[in-house]
Amino acid sequence: MAQANVTTMTHKEARGPDAVASAGLATIPHEPLPASLSLMATIEEHPEWPLLSRIPIRLIAGIPLPNFRVKDLVGLKAGKLVSSQWSSTDDVPLKIGSVQLSWSEFEVVEQQMAVRLTRLA
């Protein structure tokens, strides 16, 4: 299993000129952002947003079921409940692949299951 070293710093430390070096990270030279991009308030203002907004992405809001087996999946029927150790008051992680984007909660809206974002990761 791969391991990563994580360095935490305050908001002010992260903005200092030596923040990248003090975290033990290599810098990659890059062009500064054009003024129009550095002041963007939302992603929708990005010039490539029309293209980016059409890319399909699979979001995963999952609750771990450590003892759930294939035979349990095959035996599922409409209305059957599956129990978990997850507390109903805990937020559920929302991911794209293995990258967690936010925390969420499940909610029923007009007879359909919905996911409401509660905070960003």
Protein backbone atom coordinates (compact mmCIF):
# COMPACT_ATOMS: atom_id res chain seq x y z
CA MET A 1 0.00 0.00 0.00
CA ALA A 2 1.34 3.44 -0.89
CA GLN A 3 1.74 6.04 1.79
CA ALA A 4 1.92 9.79 1.53
CA ASN A 5 3.40 12.35 3.86
CA VAL A 6 0.93 15.12 4.61
CA THR A 7 2.04 18.52 5.83
CA THR A 8 -0.52 20.91 7.22
CA MET A 9 -0.08 24.65 7.43
CA THR A 10 -2.13 27.67 8.23
CA HIS A 11 -3.70 29.79 5.50
CA LYS A 12 -0.99 32.47 5.99
CA GLU A 13 1.82 29.89 5.85
CA ALA A 14 0.41 28.43 2.64
CA ARG A 15 0.54 31.85 0.98
CA GLY A 16 4.17 32.59 1.88
CA PRO A 17 6.93 32.37 -0.73
CA ASP A 18 8.59 29.41 0.94
CA ALA A 19 5.38 27.41 1.49
CA VAL A 20 6.04 24.92 -1.30
CA ALA A 21 9.66 24.35 -0.29
CA SER A 22 8.83 24.01 3.41
CA ALA A 23 6.25 21.35 2.58
CA GLY A 24 8.98 19.39 0.77
CA LEU A 25 7.30 19.75 -2.62
CA ALA A 26 8.95 20.35 -5.96
CA THR A 27 7.83 23.38 -7.93
CA ILE A 28 6.79 23.19 -11.55
CA PRO A 29 7.42 26.32 -13.60
CA HIS A 30 4.24 27.74 -15.07
CA GLU A 31 2.95 30.86 -16.70
CA PRO A 32 1.00 33.20 -14.44
CA LEU A 33 -2.75 33.13 -14.94
CA PRO A 34 -4.19 35.87 -17.13
CA ALA A 35 -5.88 38.57 -15.04
CA SER A 36 -9.28 37.51 -16.41
CA LEU A 37 -8.85 33.97 -14.99
CA SER A 38 -7.29 34.89 -11.65
CA LEU A 39 -10.36 36.97 -10.77
CA MET A 40 -12.95 34.31 -11.69
CA ALA A 41 -15.65 34.05 -9.06
CA THR A 42 -17.12 30.80 -10.38
CA ILE A 43 -16.11 27.94 -12.64
CA GLU A 44 -18.85 28.98 -15.06
CA GLU A 45 -16.77 32.08 -15.91
CA HIS A 46 -13.85 29.97 -17.20
CA PRO A 47 -13.49 30.32 -21.00
CA GLU A 48 -13.53 26.52 -21.43
CA TRP A 49 -16.67 26.03 -19.30
CA PRO A 50 -18.95 25.26 -22.31
CA LEU A 51 -16.73 22.25 -23.10
CA LEU A 52 -16.00 21.24 -19.50
CA SER A 53 -19.67 21.34 -18.51
CA ARG A 54 -20.49 18.58 -21.04
CA ILE A 55 -17.95 16.05 -19.78
CA PRO A 56 -19.83 13.19 -18.11
CA ILE A 57 -18.59 12.37 -14.59
CA ARG A 58 -19.74 9.54 -12.34
CA LEU A 59 -20.23 10.68 -8.76
CA ILE A 60 -20.17 8.07 -6.01
CA ALA A 61 -22.01 8.61 -2.73
CA GLY A 62 -21.36 5.42 -0.88
CA ILE A 63 -21.85 3.93 2.53
CA PRO A 64 -19.48 1.09 3.36
CA LEU A 65 -21.18 -2.26 3.86
CA PRO A 66 -18.30 -4.49 5.03
CA ASN A 67 -20.37 -7.66 5.44
CA PHE A 68 -22.45 -7.26 2.25
CA ARG A 69 -21.88 -10.22 -0.09
CA VAL A 70 -22.86 -11.09 -3.65
CA LYS A 71 -25.55 -13.42 -2.31
CA ASP A 72 -27.03 -10.41 -0.46
CA LEU A 73 -27.03 -8.43 -3.70
CA VAL A 74 -28.71 -11.25 -5.62
CA GLY A 75 -31.33 -11.57 -2.88
CA LEU A 76 -32.36 -7.89 -2.95
CA LYS A 77 -36.01 -7.24 -3.65
CA ALA A 78 -38.08 -4.06 -3.83
CA GLY A 79 -38.65 -2.67 -0.35
CA LYS A 80 -35.93 -4.76 1.33
CA LEU A 81 -33.71 -2.85 3.76
CA VAL A 82 -29.95 -3.26 4.01
CA SER A 83 -28.49 -2.39 7.40
CA SER A 84 -25.10 -0.76 7.90
CA GLN A 85 -22.96 0.46 10.77
CA TRP A 86 -23.17 4.02 9.34
CA SER A 87 -24.91 6.46 11.66
CA SER A 88 -27.89 8.20 10.07
CA THR A 89 -26.54 11.51 11.42
CA ASP A 90 -23.11 11.15 9.72
CA ASP A 91 -22.50 12.78 6.36
CA VAL A 92 -21.67 10.50 3.42
CA PRO A 93 -18.49 11.05 1.35
CA LEU A 94 -19.10 12.07 -2.27
CA LYS A 95 -16.31 11.04 -4.65
CA ILE A 96 -15.22 11.00 -8.27
CA GLY A 97 -13.21 7.79 -8.51
CA SER A 98 -10.96 7.79 -5.46
CA VAL A 99 -10.99 11.60 -5.03
CA GLN A 100 -13.34 12.88 -2.36
CA LEU A 101 -15.03 16.12 -3.39
CA SER A 102 -17.40 16.76 -0.55
CA TRP A 103 -19.62 15.37 2.16
CA SER A 104 -23.31 14.86 1.53
CA GLU A 105 -26.54 13.52 2.95
CA PHE A 106 -29.32 11.47 1.40
CA GLU A 107 -32.78 12.94 1.12
CA VAL A 108 -36.07 11.91 -0.48
CA VAL A 109 -37.49 14.50 -2.88
CA GLU A 110 -40.79 13.79 -4.65
CA GLN A 111 -40.46 10.00 -4.33
CA GLN A 112 -36.83 10.02 -5.57
CA MET A 113 -33.57 9.65 -3.67
CA ALA A 114 -31.40 12.78 -3.76
CA VAL A 115 -27.96 13.70 -2.46
CA ARG A 116 -27.50 17.12 -0.84
CA LEU A 117 -23.99 18.58 -0.50
CA THR A 118 -23.29 19.56 3.09
CA ARG A 119 -19.63 20.67 2.87
CA LEU A 120 -16.66 20.56 0.54
CA ALA A 121 -13.76 18.20 1.25
